[in-house]
Amino acid sequence: MRILIVAGLVAASLVPGVADAQTRHGHHDSHQRYEQRHHRAEQRHRWHAPFRYNRFRAGARIAPAYYGQSYWVNDWARYRVSRPARYERWVRHYDDLLLVDTRRGIVIRAYPGHFRGRW
């Protein structure tokens, strides 16, 4: 009888350790799956232009390729910026928002990192 009780106590003391190890391993797996899904979603929304990143400032002259129609931000009110004047356009350059004079190619205003974290 004494051997049976001792064996039962030993078995009971081992079970929580095994269950705890499974819980930690299961938590690790679910967290890893969450990170993979989050990374994939982030990659879908990341902005990539066909040219390398430049940090433009007000007064900089930029090439027309940087403010072509495919980079226009037409829903300027959504991003809480003012309506562009005639011959001006809000343009997205990676995560930056630029107001560009389209006649001269001059950056009028720049908001670095304006689109970062908006997804």
PDB file of N, CA and C in Angstrom:
ATOM      1  N   MET A   1       0.816  -1.183   0.000  1.00  0.00           N
ATOM      2  CA  MET A   1       0.000   0.000   0.000  1.00  0.00           C
ATOM      3  C   MET A   1       0.866   1.256   0.000  1.00  0.00           C
ATOM      4  N   ARG A   2       1.927   1.226   0.828  1.00  0.00           N
ATOM      5  CA  ARG A   2       2.826   2.364   0.923  1.00  0.00           C
ATOM      6  C   ARG A   2       3.509   2.624  -0.427  1.00  0.00           C
ATOM      7  N   ILE A   3       3.885   1.599  -1.135  1.00  0.00           N
ATOM      8  CA  ILE A   3       4.537   1.741  -2.440  1.00  0.00           C
ATOM      9  C   ILE A   3       3.563   2.380  -3.436  1.00  0.00           C
ATOM     10  N   LEU A   4       2.316   2.001  -3.379  1.00  0.00           N
ATOM     11  CA  LEU A   4       1.311   2.552  -4.271  1.00  0.00           C
ATOM     12  C   LEU A   4       1.101   4.051  -4.022  1.00  0.00           C
ATOM     13  N   ILE A   5       1.091   4.453  -2.762  1.00  0.00           N
ATOM     14  CA  ILE A   5       0.934   5.870  -2.423  1.00  0.00           C
ATOM     15  C   ILE A   5       2.145   6.661  -2.888  1.00  0.00           C
ATOM     16  N   VAL A   6       3.330   6.151  -2.650  1.00  0.00           N
ATOM     17  CA  VAL A   6       4.553   6.839  -3.075  1.00  0.00           C
ATOM     18  C   VAL A   6       4.579   6.960  -4.605  1.00  0.00           C
ATOM     19  N   ALA A   7       4.206   5.902  -5.282  1.00  0.00           N
ATOM     20  CA  ALA A   7       4.194   5.936  -6.750  1.00  0.00           C
ATOM     21  C   ALA A   7       3.180   6.966  -7.249  1.00  0.00           C
ATOM     22  N   GLY A   8       2.033   7.048  -6.595  1.00  0.00           N
ATOM     23  CA  GLY A   8       1.014   8.024  -6.967  1.00  0.00           C
ATOM     24  C   GLY A   8       1.501   9.449  -6.760  1.00  0.00           C
ATOM     25  N   LEU A   9       2.191   9.706  -5.644  1.00  0.00           N
ATOM     26  CA  LEU A   9       2.724  11.040  -5.369  1.00  0.00           C
ATOM     27  C   LEU A   9       3.802  11.434  -6.378  1.00  0.00           C
ATOM     28  N   VAL A  10       4.662  10.497  -6.705  1.00  0.00           N
ATOM     29  CA  VAL A  10       5.717  10.769  -7.691  1.00  0.00           C
ATOM     30  C   VAL A  10       5.084  11.083  -9.052  1.00  0.00           C
ATOM     31  N   ALA A  11       4.103  10.281  -9.443  1.00  0.00           N
ATOM     32  CA  ALA A  11       3.437  10.509 -10.731  1.00  0.00           C
ATOM     33  C   ALA A  11       2.728  11.861 -10.739  1.00  0.00           C
ATOM     34  N   ALA A  12       2.073  12.213  -9.640  1.00  0.00           N
ATOM     35  CA  ALA A  12       1.355  13.487  -9.562  1.00  0.00           C
ATOM     36  C   ALA A  12       2.306  14.669  -9.604  1.00  0.00           C
ATOM     37  N   SER A  13       3.487  14.513  -9.057  1.00  0.00           N
ATOM     38  CA  SER A  13       4.446  15.622  -9.079  1.00  0.00           C
ATOM     39  C   SER A  13       5.065  15.807 -10.461  1.00  0.00           C
ATOM     40  N   LEU A  14       5.113  14.763 -11.270  1.00  0.00           N
ATOM     41  CA  LEU A  14       5.680  14.869 -12.624  1.00  0.00           C
ATOM     42  C   LEU A  14       4.681  15.441 -13.629  1.00  0.00           C
ATOM     43  N   VAL A  15       3.412  15.204 -13.463  1.00  0.00           N
ATOM     44  CA  VAL A  15       2.394  15.617 -14.427  1.00  0.00           C
ATOM     45  C   VAL A  15       2.348  17.139 -14.599  1.00  0.00           C
ATOM     46  N   PRO A  16       2.343  17.971 -13.533  1.00  0.00           N
ATOM     47  CA  PRO A  16       2.313  19.421 -13.764  1.00  0.00           C
ATOM     48  C   PRO A  16       3.523  19.927 -14.551  1.00  0.00           C
ATOM     49  N   GLY A  17       4.686  19.351 -14.346  1.00  0.00           N
ATOM     50  CA  GLY A  17       5.872  19.768 -15.099  1.00  0.00           C
ATOM     51  C   GLY A  17       5.734  19.482 -16.576  1.00  0.00           C
ATOM     52  N   VAL A  18       5.186  18.342 -16.913  1.00  0.00           N
ATOM     53  CA  VAL A  18       4.966  17.976 -18.316  1.00  0.00           C
ATOM     54  C   VAL A  18       3.903  18.887 -18.921  1.00  0.00           C
ATOM     55  N   ALA A  19       2.821  19.114 -18.198  1.00  0.00           N
ATOM     56  CA  ALA A  19       1.758  19.981 -18.701  1.00  0.00           C
ATOM     57  C   ALA A  19       2.263  21.407 -18.884  1.00  0.00           C
ATOM     58  N   ASP A  20       3.090  21.890 -17.948  1.00  0.00           N
ATOM     59  CA  ASP A  20       3.652  23.235 -18.050  1.00  0.00           C
ATOM     60  C   ASP A  20       4.549  23.360 -19.274  1.00  0.00           C
ATOM     61  N   ALA A  21       5.352  22.329 -19.535  1.00  0.00           N
ATOM     62  CA  ALA A  21       6.232  22.346 -20.705  1.00  0.00           C
ATOM     63  C   ALA A  21       5.407  22.377 -21.989  1.00  0.00           C
ATOM     64  N   GLN A  22       4.293  21.625 -22.025  1.00  0.00           N
ATOM     65  CA  GLN A  22       3.441  21.636 -23.215  1.00  0.00           C
ATOM     66  C   GLN A  22       2.798  23.005 -23.407  1.00  0.00           C
ATOM     67  N   THR A  23       2.381  23.633 -22.305  1.00  0.00           N
ATOM     68  CA  THR A  23       1.753  24.948 -22.384  1.00  0.00           C
ATOM     69  C   THR A  23       2.741  25.982 -22.912  1.00  0.00           C
ATOM     70  N   ARG A  24       3.941  25.965 -22.378  1.00  0.00           N
ATOM     71  CA  ARG A  24       4.932  26.922 -22.862  1.00  0.00           C
ATOM     72  C   ARG A  24       5.243  26.692 -24.320  1.00  0.00           C
ATOM     73  N   HIS A  25       5.377  25.436 -24.731  1.00  0.00           N
ATOM     74  CA  HIS A  25       5.674  25.131 -26.125  1.00  0.00           C
ATOM     75  C   HIS A  25       4.503  25.561 -27.017  1.00  0.00           C
ATOM     76  N   GLY A  26       3.263  25.287 -26.569  1.00  0.00           N
ATOM     77  CA  GLY A  26       2.082  25.684 -27.337  1.00  0.00           C
ATOM     78  C   GLY A  26       1.970  27.189 -27.459  1.00  0.00           C
ATOM     79  N   HIS A  27       2.284  27.907 -26.391  1.00  0.00           N
ATOM     80  CA  HIS A  27       2.249  29.373 -26.418  1.00  0.00           C
ATOM     81  C   HIS A  27       3.286  29.903 -27.408  1.00  0.00           C
ATOM     82  N   HIS A  28       4.459  29.299 -27.413  1.00  0.00           N
ATOM     83  CA  HIS A  28       5.515  29.729 -28.331  1.00  0.00           C
ATOM     84  C   HIS A  28       5.059  29.549 -29.777  1.00  0.00           C
ATOM     85  N   ASP A  29       4.450  28.397 -30.060  1.00  0.00           N
ATOM     86  CA  ASP A  29       3.988  28.135 -31.426  1.00  0.00           C
ATOM     87  C   ASP A  29       2.921  29.130 -31.861  1.00  0.00           C
ATOM     88  N   SER A  30       1.948  29.398 -30.971  1.00  0.00           N
ATOM     89  CA  SER A  30       0.877  30.315 -31.362  1.00  0.00           C
ATOM     90  C   SER A  30       1.417  31.736 -31.541  1.00  0.00           C
ATOM     91  N   HIS A  31       2.369  32.134 -30.722  1.00  0.00           N
ATOM     92  CA  HIS A  31       2.963  33.462 -30.867  1.00  0.00           C
ATOM     93  C   HIS A  31       3.755  33.556 -32.170  1.00  0.00           C
ATOM     94  N   GLN A  32       4.452  32.486 -32.498  1.00  0.00           N
ATOM     95  CA  GLN A  32       5.222  32.470 -33.741  1.00  0.00           C
ATOM     96  C   GLN A  32       4.288  32.560 -34.952  1.00  0.00           C
ATOM     97  N   ARG A  33       3.158  31.842 -34.897  1.00  0.00           N
ATOM     98  CA  ARG A  33       2.184  31.919 -35.996  1.00  0.00           C
ATOM     99  C   ARG A  33       1.611  33.335 -36.105  1.00  0.00           C
ATOM    100  N   TYR A  34       1.331  33.958 -34.955  1.00  0.00           N
ATOM    101  CA  TYR A  34       0.824  35.332 -34.955  1.00  0.00           C
ATOM    102  C   TYR A  34       1.831  36.267 -35.614  1.00  0.00           C
ATOM    103  N   GLU A  35       3.101  36.148 -35.255  1.00  0.00           N
ATOM    104  CA  GLU A  35       4.126  37.019 -35.840  1.00  0.00           C
ATOM    105  C   GLU A  35       4.248  36.816 -37.337  1.00  0.00           C
ATOM    106  N   GLN A  36       4.146  35.564 -37.794  1.00  0.00           N
ATOM    107  CA  GLN A  36       4.236  35.308 -39.231  1.00  0.00           C
ATOM    108  C   GLN A  36       3.070  35.944 -39.978  1.00  0.00           C
ATOM    109  N   ARG A  37       1.840  35.812 -39.426  1.00  0.00           N
ATOM    110  CA  ARG A  37       0.678  36.429 -40.076  1.00  0.00           C
ATOM    111  C   ARG A  37       0.812  37.949 -40.088  1.00  0.00           C
ATOM    112  N   HIS A  38       1.240  38.516 -38.968  1.00  0.00           N
ATOM    113  CA  HIS A  38       1.395  39.962 -38.865  1.00  0.00           C
ATOM    114  C   HIS A  38       2.454  40.461 -39.850  1.00  0.00           C
ATOM    115  N   HIS A  39       3.562  39.721 -39.978  1.00  0.00           N
ATOM    116  CA  HIS A  39       4.631  40.110 -40.901  1.00  0.00           C
ATOM    117  C   HIS A  39       4.125  40.090 -42.342  1.00  0.00           C
ATOM    118  N   ARG A  40       3.350  39.046 -42.692  1.00  0.00           N
ATOM    119  CA  ARG A  40       2.815  38.973 -44.065  1.00  0.00           C
ATOM    120  C   ARG A  40       1.868  40.139 -44.336  1.00  0.00           C
ATOM    121  N   ALA A  41       1.017  40.465 -43.366  1.00  0.00           N
ATOM    122  CA  ALA A  41       0.088  41.592 -43.545  1.00  0.00           C
ATOM    123  C   ALA A  41       0.854  42.898 -43.684  1.00  0.00           C
ATOM    124  N   GLU A  42       1.903  43.049 -42.914  1.00  0.00           N
ATOM    125  CA  GLU A  42       2.720  44.266 -42.981  1.00  0.00           C
ATOM    126  C   GLU A  42       3.404  44.374 -44.338  1.00  0.00           C
ATOM    127  N   GLN A  43       3.860  43.258 -44.881  1.00  0.00           N
ATOM    128  CA  GLN A  43       4.519  43.276 -46.183  1.00  0.00           C
ATOM    129  C   GLN A  43       3.550  43.690 -47.288  1.00  0.00           C
ATOM    130  N   ARG A  44       2.273  43.311 -47.172  1.00  0.00           N
ATOM    131  CA  ARG A  44       1.291  43.688 -48.204  1.00  0.00           C
ATOM    132  C   ARG A  44       1.089  45.191 -48.241  1.00  0.00           C
ATOM    133  N   HIS A  45       1.183  45.861 -47.092  1.00  0.00           N
ATOM    134  CA  HIS A  45       0.895  47.284 -47.027  1.00  0.00           C
ATOM    135  C   HIS A  45       2.135  48.170 -47.130  1.00  0.00           C
ATOM    136  N   ARG A  46       3.280  47.580 -47.133  1.00  0.00           N
ATOM    137  CA  ARG A  46       4.493  48.386 -47.209  1.00  0.00           C
ATOM    138  C   ARG A  46       4.597  49.010 -48.593  1.00  0.00           C
ATOM    139  N   TRP A  47       5.029  50.227 -48.640  1.00  0.00           N
ATOM    140  CA  TRP A  47       5.103  50.981 -49.882  1.00  0.00           C
ATOM    141  C   TRP A  47       6.491  50.832 -50.490  1.00  0.00           C
ATOM    142  N   HIS A  48       6.541  50.442 -51.745  1.00  0.00           N
ATOM    143  CA  HIS A  48       7.818  50.321 -52.441  1.00  0.00           C
ATOM    144  C   HIS A  48       7.739  51.071 -53.755  1.00  0.00           C
ATOM    145  N   ALA A  49       8.637  51.979 -53.945  1.00  0.00           N
ATOM    146  CA  ALA A  49       8.710  52.720 -55.197  1.00  0.00           C
ATOM    147  C   ALA A  49       9.808  52.094 -56.062  1.00  0.00           C
ATOM    148  N   PRO A  50       9.792  52.359 -57.359  1.00  0.00           N
ATOM    149  CA  PRO A  50      10.800  51.776 -58.236  1.00  0.00           C
ATOM    150  C   PRO A  50      12.141  52.497 -58.171  1.00  0.00           C
ATOM    151  N   PHE A  51      12.348  53.310 -57.162  1.00  0.00           N
ATOM    152  CA  PHE A  51      13.619  54.012 -56.982  1.00  0.00           C
ATOM    153  C   PHE A  51      13.940  54.011 -55.502  1.00  0.00           C
ATOM    154  N   ARG A  52      15.178  54.327 -55.178  1.00  0.00           N
ATOM    155  CA  ARG A  52      15.586  54.263 -53.768  1.00  0.00           C
ATOM    156  C   ARG A  52      15.044  55.446 -52.977  1.00  0.00           C
ATOM    157  N   TYR A  53      15.027  55.276 -51.665  1.00  0.00           N
ATOM    158  CA  TYR A  53      14.481  56.303 -50.784  1.00  0.00           C
ATOM    159  C   TYR A  53      15.411  57.508 -50.691  1.00  0.00           C
ATOM    160  N   ASN A  54      14.824  58.693 -50.769  1.00  0.00           N
ATOM    161  CA  ASN A  54      15.525  59.953 -50.527  1.00  0.00           C
ATOM    162  C   ASN A  54      14.685  60.739 -49.529  1.00  0.00           C
ATOM    163  N   ARG A  55      15.329  61.352 -48.574  1.00  0.00           N
ATOM    164  CA  ARG A  55      14.588  62.186 -47.633  1.00  0.00           C
ATOM    165  C   ARG A  55      14.548  63.603 -48.190  1.00  0.00           C
ATOM    166  N   PHE A  56      13.420  63.950 -48.782  1.00  0.00           N
ATOM    167  CA  PHE A  56      13.269  65.266 -49.381  1.00  0.00           C
ATOM    168  C   PHE A  56      12.829  66.278 -48.336  1.00  0.00           C
ATOM    169  N   ARG A  57      13.298  67.495 -48.504  1.00  0.00           N
ATOM    170  CA  ARG A  57      12.915  68.613 -47.638  1.00  0.00           C
ATOM    171  C   ARG A  57      12.315  69.710 -48.492  1.00  0.00           C
ATOM    172  N   ALA A  58      11.607  70.615 -47.839  1.00  0.00           N
ATOM    173  CA  ALA A  58      11.016  71.741 -48.561  1.00  0.00           C
ATOM    174  C   ALA A  58      12.116  72.505 -49.292  1.00  0.00           C
ATOM    175  N   GLY A  59      11.843  72.851 -50.551  1.00  0.00           N
ATOM    176  CA  GLY A  59      12.808  73.579 -51.363  1.00  0.00           C
ATOM    177  C   GLY A  59      13.617  72.689 -52.279  1.00  0.00           C
ATOM    178  N   ALA A  60      13.584  71.397 -52.067  1.00  0.00           N
ATOM    179  CA  ALA A  60      14.354  70.468 -52.916  1.00  0.00           C
ATOM    180  C   ALA A  60      13.686  70.340 -54.279  1.00  0.00           C
ATOM    181  N   ARG A  61      14.491  70.214 -55.293  1.00  0.00           N
ATOM    182  CA  ARG A  61      13.977  69.987 -56.652  1.00  0.00           C
ATOM    183  C   ARG A  61      14.027  68.482 -56.893  1.00  0.00           C
ATOM    184  N   ILE A  62      12.918  67.933 -57.371  1.00  0.00           N
ATOM    185  CA  ILE A  62      12.871  66.494 -57.614  1.00  0.00           C
ATOM    186  C   ILE A  62      12.453  66.219 -59.053  1.00  0.00           C
ATOM    187  N   ALA A  63      12.829  65.052 -59.537  1.00  0.00           N
ATOM    188  CA  ALA A  63      12.530  64.647 -60.915  1.00  0.00           C
ATOM    189  C   ALA A  63      11.052  64.275 -61.045  1.00  0.00           C
ATOM    190  N   PRO A  64      10.483  64.441 -62.237  1.00  0.00           N
ATOM    191  CA  PRO A  64       9.076  64.095 -62.451  1.00  0.00           C
ATOM    192  C   PRO A  64       8.732  62.640 -62.114  1.00  0.00           C
ATOM    193  N   ALA A  65       9.700  61.755 -62.194  1.00  0.00           N
ATOM    194  CA  ALA A  65       9.432  60.350 -61.854  1.00  0.00           C
ATOM    195  C   ALA A  65       8.970  60.202 -60.405  1.00  0.00           C
ATOM    196  N   TYR A  66       9.376  61.108 -59.536  1.00  0.00           N
ATOM    197  CA  TYR A  66       9.003  61.041 -58.121  1.00  0.00           C
ATOM    198  C   TYR A  66       7.585  61.539 -57.863  1.00  0.00           C
ATOM    199  N   TYR A  67       7.026  62.330 -58.768  1.00  0.00           N
ATOM    200  CA  TYR A  67       5.679  62.837 -58.521  1.00  0.00           C
ATOM    201  C   TYR A  67       4.730  62.542 -59.676  1.00  0.00           C
ATOM    202  N   GLY A  68       4.953  61.395 -60.308  1.00  0.00           N
ATOM    203  CA  GLY A  68       4.061  60.949 -61.376  1.00  0.00           C
ATOM    204  C   GLY A  68       2.682  60.597 -60.836  1.00  0.00           C
ATOM    205  N   GLN A  69       1.731  60.452 -61.721  1.00  0.00           N
ATOM    206  CA  GLN A  69       0.339  60.238 -61.353  1.00  0.00           C
ATOM    207  C   GLN A  69       0.140  59.012 -60.463  1.00  0.00           C
ATOM    208  N   SER A  70       0.949  57.985 -60.613  1.00  0.00           N
ATOM    209  CA  SER A  70       0.772  56.785 -59.790  1.00  0.00           C
ATOM    210  C   SER A  70       1.140  57.017 -58.324  1.00  0.00           C
ATOM    211  N   TYR A  71       1.781  58.147 -58.013  1.00  0.00           N
ATOM    212  CA  TYR A  71       2.167  58.453 -56.629  1.00  0.00           C
ATOM    213  C   TYR A  71       1.304  59.545 -56.001  1.00  0.00           C
ATOM    214  N   TRP A  72       0.327  60.038 -56.723  1.00  0.00           N
ATOM    215  CA  TRP A  72      -0.530  61.093 -56.201  1.00  0.00           C
ATOM    216  C   TRP A  72      -1.372  60.577 -55.041  1.00  0.00           C
ATOM    217  N   VAL A  73      -1.571  61.426 -54.064  1.00  0.00           N
ATOM    218  CA  VAL A  73      -2.490  61.142 -52.959  1.00  0.00           C
ATOM    219  C   VAL A  73      -3.714  62.018 -53.208  1.00  0.00           C
ATOM    220  N   ASN A  74      -4.755  61.413 -53.770  1.00  0.00           N
ATOM    221  CA  ASN A  74      -5.945  62.169 -54.128  1.00  0.00           C
ATOM    222  C   ASN A  74      -6.908  62.357 -52.958  1.00  0.00           C
ATOM    223  N   ASP A  75      -6.839  61.492 -51.967  1.00  0.00           N
ATOM    224  CA  ASP A  75      -7.723  61.598 -50.804  1.00  0.00           C
ATOM    225  C   ASP A  75      -7.006  62.331 -49.668  1.00  0.00           C
ATOM    226  N   TRP A  76      -6.569  63.537 -49.961  1.00  0.00           N
ATOM    227  CA  TRP A  76      -5.779  64.342 -49.034  1.00  0.00           C
ATOM    228  C   TRP A  76      -6.510  64.603 -47.719  1.00  0.00           C
ATOM    229  N   ALA A  77      -7.832  64.709 -47.737  1.00  0.00           N
ATOM    230  CA  ALA A  77      -8.595  64.961 -46.499  1.00  0.00           C
ATOM    231  C   ALA A  77      -8.491  63.775 -45.549  1.00  0.00           C
ATOM    232  N   ARG A  78      -8.394  62.584 -46.101  1.00  0.00           N
ATOM    233  CA  ARG A  78      -8.246  61.376 -45.266  1.00  0.00           C
ATOM    234  C   ARG A  78      -6.976  61.440 -44.429  1.00  0.00           C
ATOM    235  N   TYR A  79      -5.949  62.046 -44.970  1.00  0.00           N
ATOM    236  CA  TYR A  79      -4.666  62.140 -44.272  1.00  0.00           C
ATOM    237  C   TYR A  79      -4.497  63.461 -43.535  1.00  0.00           C
ATOM    238  N   ARG A  80      -5.581  64.225 -43.460  1.00  0.00           N
ATOM    239  CA  ARG A  80      -5.629  65.461 -42.683  1.00  0.00           C
ATOM    240  C   ARG A  80      -4.582  66.488 -43.109  1.00  0.00           C
ATOM    241  N   VAL A  81      -4.510  66.673 -44.392  1.00  0.00           N
ATOM    242  CA  VAL A  81      -3.645  67.718 -44.937  1.00  0.00           C
ATOM    243  C   VAL A  81      -4.514  68.639 -45.779  1.00  0.00           C
ATOM    244  N   SER A  82      -4.010  69.820 -46.051  1.00  0.00           N
ATOM    245  CA  SER A  82      -4.794  70.823 -46.778  1.00  0.00           C
ATOM    246  C   SER A  82      -4.975  70.451 -48.246  1.00  0.00           C
ATOM    247  N   ARG A  83      -5.980  71.032 -48.829  1.00  0.00           N
ATOM    248  CA  ARG A  83      -6.231  70.829 -50.253  1.00  0.00           C
ATOM    249  C   ARG A  83      -5.087  71.465 -51.042  1.00  0.00           C
ATOM    250  N   PRO A  84      -4.520  70.752 -52.002  1.00  0.00           N
ATOM    251  CA  PRO A  84      -3.431  71.350 -52.780  1.00  0.00           C
ATOM    252  C   PRO A  84      -3.952  72.445 -53.709  1.00  0.00           C
ATOM    253  N   ALA A  85      -3.149  73.470 -53.894  1.00  0.00           N
ATOM    254  CA  ALA A  85      -3.503  74.561 -54.801  1.00  0.00           C
ATOM    255  C   ALA A  85      -3.327  74.091 -56.247  1.00  0.00           C
ATOM    256  N   ARG A  86      -3.655  74.961 -57.163  1.00  0.00           N
ATOM    257  CA  ARG A  86      -3.481  74.635 -58.573  1.00  0.00           C
ATOM    258  C   ARG A  86      -2.000  74.389 -58.850  1.00  0.00           C
ATOM    259  N   TYR A  87      -1.695  73.389 -59.641  1.00  0.00           N
ATOM    260  CA  TYR A  87      -0.325  72.972 -59.986  1.00  0.00           C
ATOM    261  C   TYR A  87       0.442  72.413 -58.794  1.00  0.00           C
ATOM    262  N   GLU A  88      -0.268  71.975 -57.775  1.00  0.00           N
ATOM    263  CA  GLU A  88       0.368  71.306 -56.632  1.00  0.00           C
ATOM    264  C   GLU A  88      -0.286  69.941 -56.459  1.00  0.00           C
ATOM    265  N   ARG A  89       0.496  68.998 -55.960  1.00  0.00           N
ATOM    266  CA  ARG A  89      -0.010  67.644 -55.711  1.00  0.00           C
ATOM    267  C   ARG A  89       0.615  67.101 -54.436  1.00  0.00           C
ATOM    268  N   TRP A  90      -0.224  66.383 -53.671  1.00  0.00           N
ATOM    269  CA  TRP A  90       0.318  65.590 -52.572  1.00  0.00           C
ATOM    270  C   TRP A  90       0.804  64.294 -53.175  1.00  0.00           C
ATOM    271  N   VAL A  91       2.027  63.903 -52.826  1.00  0.00           N
ATOM    272  CA  VAL A  91       2.674  62.735 -53.406  1.00  0.00           C
ATOM    273  C   VAL A  91       3.221  61.860 -52.285  1.00  0.00           C
ATOM    274  N   ARG A  92       3.089  60.554 -52.461  1.00  0.00           N
ATOM    275  CA  ARG A  92       3.665  59.624 -51.499  1.00  0.00           C
ATOM    276  C   ARG A  92       5.032  59.169 -51.994  1.00  0.00           C
ATOM    277  N   HIS A  93       6.005  59.286 -51.121  1.00  0.00           N
ATOM    278  CA  HIS A  93       7.351  58.778 -51.405  1.00  0.00           C
ATOM    279  C   HIS A  93       7.723  57.891 -50.220  1.00  0.00           C
ATOM    280  N   TYR A  94       7.605  56.562 -50.414  1.00  0.00           N
ATOM    281  CA  TYR A  94       7.738  55.571 -49.342  1.00  0.00           C
ATOM    282  C   TYR A  94       6.773  55.956 -48.224  1.00  0.00           C
ATOM    283  N   ASP A  95       7.229  56.222 -47.003  1.00  0.00           N
ATOM    284  CA  ASP A  95       6.336  56.597 -45.907  1.00  0.00           C
ATOM    285  C   ASP A  95       6.209  58.101 -45.748  1.00  0.00           C
ATOM    286  N   ASP A  96       6.786  58.869 -46.649  1.00  0.00           N
ATOM    287  CA  ASP A  96       6.744  60.328 -46.549  1.00  0.00           C
ATOM    288  C   ASP A  96       5.618  60.886 -47.416  1.00  0.00           C
ATOM    289  N   LEU A  97       5.082  62.005 -46.978  1.00  0.00           N
ATOM    290  CA  LEU A  97       4.074  62.720 -47.744  1.00  0.00           C
ATOM    291  C   LEU A  97       4.675  64.055 -48.165  1.00  0.00           C
ATOM    292  N   LEU A  98       4.647  64.325 -49.467  1.00  0.00           N
ATOM    293  CA  LEU A  98       5.257  65.541 -50.013  1.00  0.00           C
ATOM    294  C   LEU A  98       4.220  66.362 -50.764  1.00  0.00           C
ATOM    295  N   LEU A  99       4.256  67.660 -50.578  1.00  0.00           N
ATOM    296  CA  LEU A  99       3.471  68.570 -51.401  1.00  0.00           C
ATOM    297  C   LEU A  99       4.427  69.130 -52.440  1.00  0.00           C
ATOM    298  N   VAL A 100       4.119  68.882 -53.710  1.00  0.00           N
ATOM    299  CA  VAL A 100       5.041  69.213 -54.801  1.00  0.00           C
ATOM    300  C   VAL A 100       4.397  70.199 -55.763  1.00  0.00           C
ATOM    301  N   ASP A 101       5.165  71.197 -56.154  1.00  0.00           N
ATOM    302  CA  ASP A 101       4.774  72.112 -57.225  1.00  0.00           C
ATOM    303  C   ASP A 101       5.074  71.360 -58.525  1.00  0.00           C
ATOM    304  N   THR A 102       4.041  70.941 -59.227  1.00  0.00           N
ATOM    305  CA  THR A 102       4.234  70.084 -60.401  1.00  0.00           C
ATOM    306  C   THR A 102       4.772  70.831 -61.617  1.00  0.00           C
ATOM    307  N   ARG A 103       4.717  72.146 -61.634  1.00  0.00           N
ATOM    308  CA  ARG A 103       5.276  72.897 -62.758  1.00  0.00           C
ATOM    309  C   ARG A 103       6.793  72.979 -62.663  1.00  0.00           C
ATOM    310  N   ARG A 104       7.297  73.164 -61.453  1.00  0.00           N
ATOM    311  CA  ARG A 104       8.737  73.365 -61.272  1.00  0.00           C
ATOM    312  C   ARG A 104       9.454  72.164 -60.658  1.00  0.00           C
ATOM    313  N   GLY A 105       8.711  71.216 -60.081  1.00  0.00           N
ATOM    314  CA  GLY A 105       9.333  70.062 -59.444  1.00  0.00           C
ATOM    315  C   GLY A 105       9.957  70.392 -58.096  1.00  0.00           C
ATOM    316  N   ILE A 106       9.392  71.358 -57.398  1.00  0.00           N
ATOM    317  CA  ILE A 106       9.925  71.795 -56.103  1.00  0.00           C
ATOM    318  C   ILE A 106       9.037  71.241 -54.978  1.00  0.00           C
ATOM    319  N   VAL A 107       9.658  70.702 -53.951  1.00  0.00           N
ATOM    320  CA  VAL A 107       8.919  70.244 -52.776  1.00  0.00           C
ATOM    321  C   VAL A 107       8.546  71.467 -51.950  1.00  0.00           C
ATOM    322  N   ILE A 108       7.275  71.647 -51.721  1.00  0.00           N
ATOM    323  CA  ILE A 108       6.785  72.787 -50.947  1.00  0.00           C
ATOM    324  C   ILE A 108       6.740  72.447 -49.464  1.00  0.00           C
ATOM    325  N   ARG A 109       6.261  71.246 -49.161  1.00  0.00           N
ATOM    326  CA  ARG A 109       6.155  70.809 -47.770  1.00  0.00           C
ATOM    327  C   ARG A 109       6.436  69.314 -47.719  1.00  0.00           C
ATOM    328  N   ALA A 110       7.089  68.852 -46.662  1.00  0.00           N
ATOM    329  CA  ALA A 110       7.398  67.426 -46.496  1.00  0.00           C
ATOM    330  C   ALA A 110       7.012  66.979 -45.099  1.00  0.00           C
ATOM    331  N   TYR A 111       6.344  65.829 -45.037  1.00  0.00           N
ATOM    332  CA  TYR A 111       5.998  65.192 -43.770  1.00  0.00           C
ATOM    333  C   TYR A 111       6.673  63.821 -43.732  1.00  0.00           C
ATOM    334  N   PRO A 112       7.884  63.742 -43.189  1.00  0.00           N
ATOM    335  CA  PRO A 112       8.584  62.446 -43.129  1.00  0.00           C
ATOM    336  C   PRO A 112       7.843  61.467 -42.215  1.00  0.00           C
ATOM    337  N   GLY A 113       7.735  60.229 -42.662  1.00  0.00           N
ATOM    338  CA  GLY A 113       7.120  59.174 -41.854  1.00  0.00           C
ATOM    339  C   GLY A 113       5.622  59.318 -41.665  1.00  0.00           C
ATOM    340  N   HIS A 114       4.955  60.079 -42.520  1.00  0.00           N
ATOM    341  CA  HIS A 114       3.527  60.343 -42.363  1.00  0.00           C
ATOM    342  C   HIS A 114       2.681  59.062 -42.454  1.00  0.00           C
ATOM    343  N   PHE A 115       3.095  58.096 -43.270  1.00  0.00           N
ATOM    344  CA  PHE A 115       2.317  56.875 -43.462  1.00  0.00           C
ATOM    345  C   PHE A 115       2.774  55.733 -42.555  1.00  0.00           C
ATOM    346  N   ARG A 116       3.810  55.923 -41.791  1.00  0.00           N
ATOM    347  CA  ARG A 116       4.315  54.846 -40.934  1.00  0.00           C
ATOM    348  C   ARG A 116       3.296  54.510 -39.855  1.00  0.00           C
ATOM    349  N   GLY A 117       2.996  53.218 -39.707  1.00  0.00           N
ATOM    350  CA  GLY A 117       2.096  52.756 -38.657  1.00  0.00           C
ATOM    351  C   GLY A 117       0.636  53.006 -38.915  1.00  0.00           C
ATOM    352  N   ARG A 118       0.235  53.282 -40.130  1.00  0.00           N
ATOM    353  CA  ARG A 118      -1.181  53.547 -40.419  1.00  0.00           C
ATOM    354  C   ARG A 118      -1.935  52.297 -40.834  1.00  0.00           C
ATOM    355  N   TRP A 119      -1.373  51.135 -40.742  1.00  0.00           N
ATOM    356  CA  TRP A 119      -2.060  49.933 -41.159  1.00  0.00           C
ATOM    357  C   TRP A 119      -2.469  49.187 -39.976  1.00  0.00           C
TER     358      TRP A 119
END
